[in-house]
Amino acid sequence: MSGSLYTYPSDLTWQDMRFPPAIIDALAKKGIQRPTPIQIQAIPAALTGRDVIGIAFTGSGKTMVRTGGILGLCHLDAKEQ
Protein backbone atom coordinates (compact mmCIF):
# COMPACT_ATOMS: atom_id res chain seq x y z
CA MET A 1 0.00 0.00 0.00
CA SER A 2 1.52 3.29 -1.01
CA GLY A 3 1.14 6.70 0.50
CA SER A 4 1.14 5.36 4.05
CA LEU A 5 3.68 6.35 6.66
CA TYR A 6 3.69 2.77 7.93
CA THR A 7 3.33 -0.11 5.51
CA TYR A 8 3.19 -3.81 6.22
CA PRO A 9 3.57 -6.83 3.95
CA SER A 10 0.29 -7.71 2.26
CA ASP A 11 0.71 -11.38 3.20
CA LEU A 12 0.79 -10.82 6.98
CA THR A 13 -1.06 -13.52 8.95
CA TRP A 14 -2.70 -13.58 12.37
CA GLN A 15 0.36 -15.47 13.61
CA ASP A 16 2.66 -12.77 12.23
CA MET A 17 0.68 -10.22 14.24
CA ARG A 18 1.21 -12.39 17.36
CA PHE A 19 -2.45 -13.16 17.97
CA PRO A 20 -2.90 -15.81 20.67
CA PRO A 21 -3.58 -19.33 19.32
CA ALA A 22 -7.01 -19.42 21.00
CA ILE A 23 -8.11 -16.30 19.12
CA ILE A 24 -6.69 -17.61 15.83
CA ASP A 25 -8.62 -20.86 16.36
CA ALA A 26 -11.83 -18.94 17.11
CA LEU A 27 -11.37 -16.83 13.98
CA ALA A 28 -10.80 -19.98 11.90
CA LYS A 29 -14.00 -21.52 13.25
CA LYS A 30 -15.84 -18.42 12.00
CA GLY A 31 -14.21 -18.82 8.58
CA ILE A 32 -11.79 -15.93 9.04
CA GLN A 33 -8.51 -17.38 7.79
CA ARG A 34 -6.53 -14.25 6.91
CA PRO A 35 -6.66 -10.57 7.90
CA THR A 36 -8.11 -8.12 5.41
CA PRO A 37 -6.01 -5.27 3.96
CA ILE A 38 -7.35 -2.75 6.50
CA GLN A 39 -6.54 -5.18 9.32
CA ILE A 40 -3.02 -5.78 7.98
CA GLN A 41 -2.37 -2.04 7.95
CA ALA A 42 -4.12 -1.01 11.16
CA ILE A 43 -3.65 -3.79 13.73
CA PRO A 44 0.18 -3.66 13.89
CA ALA A 45 0.04 0.13 14.22
CA ALA A 46 -2.61 -0.11 16.96
CA LEU A 47 -0.56 -2.70 18.83
CA THR A 48 2.33 -0.23 19.02
CA GLY A 49 0.00 2.24 20.74
CA ARG A 50 -0.41 4.54 17.76
CA ASP A 51 -3.71 6.22 16.95
CA VAL A 52 -5.29 4.74 13.85
CA ILE A 53 -7.78 6.22 11.41
CA GLY A 54 -9.03 3.66 8.92
CA ILE A 55 -11.19 4.34 5.90
CA ALA A 56 -12.53 1.26 4.17
CA PHE A 57 -15.73 -0.20 2.77
CA THR A 58 -18.45 -1.67 4.98
CA GLY A 59 -17.63 -5.29 5.77
CA SER A 60 -13.89 -4.83 5.30
CA GLY A 61 -12.97 -5.62 8.91
CA LYS A 62 -12.63 -2.23 10.58
CA THR A 63 -14.44 -3.34 13.76
CA MET A 64 -12.07 -6.29 14.03
CA VAL A 65 -9.20 -3.79 14.03
CA ARG A 66 -10.55 -2.23 17.23
CA THR A 67 -11.39 -5.47 19.00
CA GLY A 68 -8.36 -7.30 17.65
CA GLY A 69 -6.09 -4.52 18.81
CA ILE A 70 -7.63 -4.54 22.27
CA LEU A 71 -7.33 -8.33 22.56
CA GLY A 72 -3.77 -8.21 21.29
CA LEU A 73 -2.77 -5.55 23.80
CA CYS A 74 -4.40 -7.52 26.63
CA HIS A 75 -2.52 -10.64 25.56
CA LEU A 76 0.83 -8.82 25.37
CA ASP A 77 0.17 -7.16 28.73
CA ALA A 78 -0.66 -10.52 30.35
CA LYS A 79 2.55 -12.07 28.98
CA GLU A 80 4.62 -9.30 30.58
CA GLN A 81 3.18 -9.95 34.06
C-alpha atoms as a PDB file:
ATOM      1  CA  MET A   1       0.000   0.000   0.000  1.00  0.00           C
ATOM      2  CA  SER A   2       1.523   3.290  -1.009  1.00  0.00           C
ATOM      3  CA  GLY A   3       1.140   6.696   0.503  1.00  0.00           C
ATOM      4  CA  SER A   4       1.136   5.359   4.051  1.00  0.00           C
ATOM      5  CA  LEU A   5       3.675   6.349   6.665  1.00  0.00           C
ATOM      6  CA  TYR A   6       3.685   2.771   7.928  1.00  0.00           C
ATOM      7  CA  THR A   7       3.326  -0.111   5.511  1.00  0.00           C
ATOM      8  CA  TYR A   8       3.192  -3.813   6.224  1.00  0.00           C
ATOM      9  CA  PRO A   9       3.572  -6.832   3.948  1.00  0.00           C
ATOM     10  CA  SER A  10       0.289  -7.711   2.255  1.00  0.00           C
ATOM     11  CA  ASP A  11       0.714 -11.384   3.201  1.00  0.00           C
ATOM     12  CA  LEU A  12       0.786 -10.821   6.980  1.00  0.00           C
ATOM     13  CA  THR A  13      -1.056 -13.520   8.948  1.00  0.00           C
ATOM     14  CA  TRP A  14      -2.701 -13.575  12.374  1.00  0.00           C
ATOM     15  CA  GLN A  15       0.360 -15.470  13.608  1.00  0.00           C
ATOM     16  CA  ASP A  16       2.665 -12.770  12.232  1.00  0.00           C
ATOM     17  CA  MET A  17       0.683 -10.220  14.240  1.00  0.00           C
ATOM     18  CA  ARG A  18       1.212 -12.390  17.362  1.00  0.00           C
ATOM     19  CA  PHE A  19      -2.452 -13.157  17.973  1.00  0.00           C
ATOM     20  CA  PRO A  20      -2.904 -15.808  20.673  1.00  0.00           C
ATOM     21  CA  PRO A  21      -3.585 -19.330  19.320  1.00  0.00           C
ATOM     22  CA  ALA A  22      -7.006 -19.420  21.004  1.00  0.00           C
ATOM     23  CA  ILE A  23      -8.105 -16.296  19.116  1.00  0.00           C
ATOM     24  CA  ILE A  24      -6.685 -17.610  15.831  1.00  0.00           C
ATOM     25  CA  ASP A  25      -8.620 -20.862  16.360  1.00  0.00           C
ATOM     26  CA  ALA A  26     -11.832 -18.939  17.114  1.00  0.00           C
ATOM     27  CA  LEU A  27     -11.374 -16.828  13.976  1.00  0.00           C
ATOM     28  CA  ALA A  28     -10.801 -19.975  11.896  1.00  0.00           C
ATOM     29  CA  LYS A  29     -14.001 -21.521  13.250  1.00  0.00           C
ATOM     30  CA  LYS A  30     -15.841 -18.423  11.999  1.00  0.00           C
ATOM     31  CA  GLY A  31     -14.209 -18.824   8.581  1.00  0.00           C
ATOM     32  CA  ILE A  32     -11.791 -15.929   9.037  1.00  0.00           C
ATOM     33  CA  GLN A  33      -8.511 -17.379   7.787  1.00  0.00           C
ATOM     34  CA  ARG A  34      -6.535 -14.246   6.914  1.00  0.00           C
ATOM     35  CA  PRO A  35      -6.658 -10.575   7.895  1.00  0.00           C
ATOM     36  CA  THR A  36      -8.113  -8.120   5.412  1.00  0.00           C
ATOM     37  CA  PRO A  37      -6.006  -5.274   3.957  1.00  0.00           C
ATOM     38  CA  ILE A  38      -7.354  -2.745   6.500  1.00  0.00           C
ATOM     39  CA  GLN A  39      -6.537  -5.180   9.317  1.00  0.00           C
ATOM     40  CA  ILE A  40      -3.023  -5.782   7.975  1.00  0.00           C
ATOM     41  CA  GLN A  41      -2.375  -2.041   7.946  1.00  0.00           C
ATOM     42  CA  ALA A  42      -4.119  -1.006  11.160  1.00  0.00           C
ATOM     43  CA  ILE A  43      -3.651  -3.792  13.727  1.00  0.00           C
ATOM     44  CA  PRO A  44       0.177  -3.664  13.890  1.00  0.00           C
ATOM     45  CA  ALA A  45       0.041   0.133  14.225  1.00  0.00           C
ATOM     46  CA  ALA A  46      -2.609  -0.106  16.955  1.00  0.00           C
ATOM     47  CA  LEU A  47      -0.559  -2.699  18.832  1.00  0.00           C
ATOM     48  CA  THR A  48       2.325  -0.233  19.023  1.00  0.00           C
ATOM     49  CA  GLY A  49      -0.004   2.243  20.738  1.00  0.00           C
ATOM     50  CA  ARG A  50      -0.410   4.541  17.762  1.00  0.00           C
ATOM     51  CA  ASP A  51      -3.706   6.218  16.954  1.00  0.00           C
ATOM     52  CA  VAL A  52      -5.293   4.741  13.846  1.00  0.00           C
ATOM     53  CA  ILE A  53      -7.776   6.223  11.408  1.00  0.00           C
ATOM     54  CA  GLY A  54      -9.033   3.662   8.921  1.00  0.00           C
ATOM     55  CA  ILE A  55     -11.187   4.341   5.900  1.00  0.00           C
ATOM     56  CA  ALA A  56     -12.529   1.257   4.171  1.00  0.00           C
ATOM     57  CA  PHE A  57     -15.729  -0.196   2.767  1.00  0.00           C
ATOM     58  CA  THR A  58     -18.446  -1.668   4.984  1.00  0.00           C
ATOM     59  CA  GLY A  59     -17.627  -5.294   5.766  1.00  0.00           C
ATOM     60  CA  SER A  60     -13.893  -4.826   5.304  1.00  0.00           C
ATOM     61  CA  GLY A  61     -12.975  -5.619   8.915  1.00  0.00           C
ATOM     62  CA  LYS A  62     -12.631  -2.233  10.584  1.00  0.00           C
ATOM     63  CA  THR A  63     -14.437  -3.342  13.757  1.00  0.00           C
ATOM     64  CA  MET A  64     -12.067  -6.287  14.033  1.00  0.00           C
ATOM     65  CA  VAL A  65      -9.198  -3.792  14.030  1.00  0.00           C
ATOM     66  CA  ARG A  66     -10.551  -2.233  17.232  1.00  0.00           C
ATOM     67  CA  THR A  67     -11.389  -5.470  18.995  1.00  0.00           C
ATOM     68  CA  GLY A  68      -8.358  -7.302  17.647  1.00  0.00           C
ATOM     69  CA  GLY A  69      -6.091  -4.523  18.807  1.00  0.00           C
ATOM     70  CA  ILE A  70      -7.628  -4.543  22.272  1.00  0.00           C
ATOM     71  CA  LEU A  71      -7.328  -8.334  22.562  1.00  0.00           C
ATOM     72  CA  GLY A  72      -3.770  -8.215  21.291  1.00  0.00           C
ATOM     73  CA  LEU A  73      -2.772  -5.555  23.801  1.00  0.00           C
ATOM     74  CA  CYS A  74      -4.405  -7.523  26.628  1.00  0.00           C
ATOM     75  CA  HIS A  75      -2.522 -10.642  25.564  1.00  0.00           C
ATOM     76  CA  LEU A  76       0.830  -8.815  25.368  1.00  0.00           C
ATOM     77  CA  ASP A  77       0.173  -7.156  28.731  1.00  0.00           C
ATOM     78  CA  ALA A  78      -0.663 -10.521  30.353  1.00  0.00           C
ATOM     79  CA  LYS A  79       2.547 -12.066  28.977  1.00  0.00           C
ATOM     80  CA  GLU A  80       4.619  -9.301  30.581  1.00  0.00           C
ATOM     81  CA  GLN A  81       3.181  -9.950  34.065  1.00  0.00           C
END
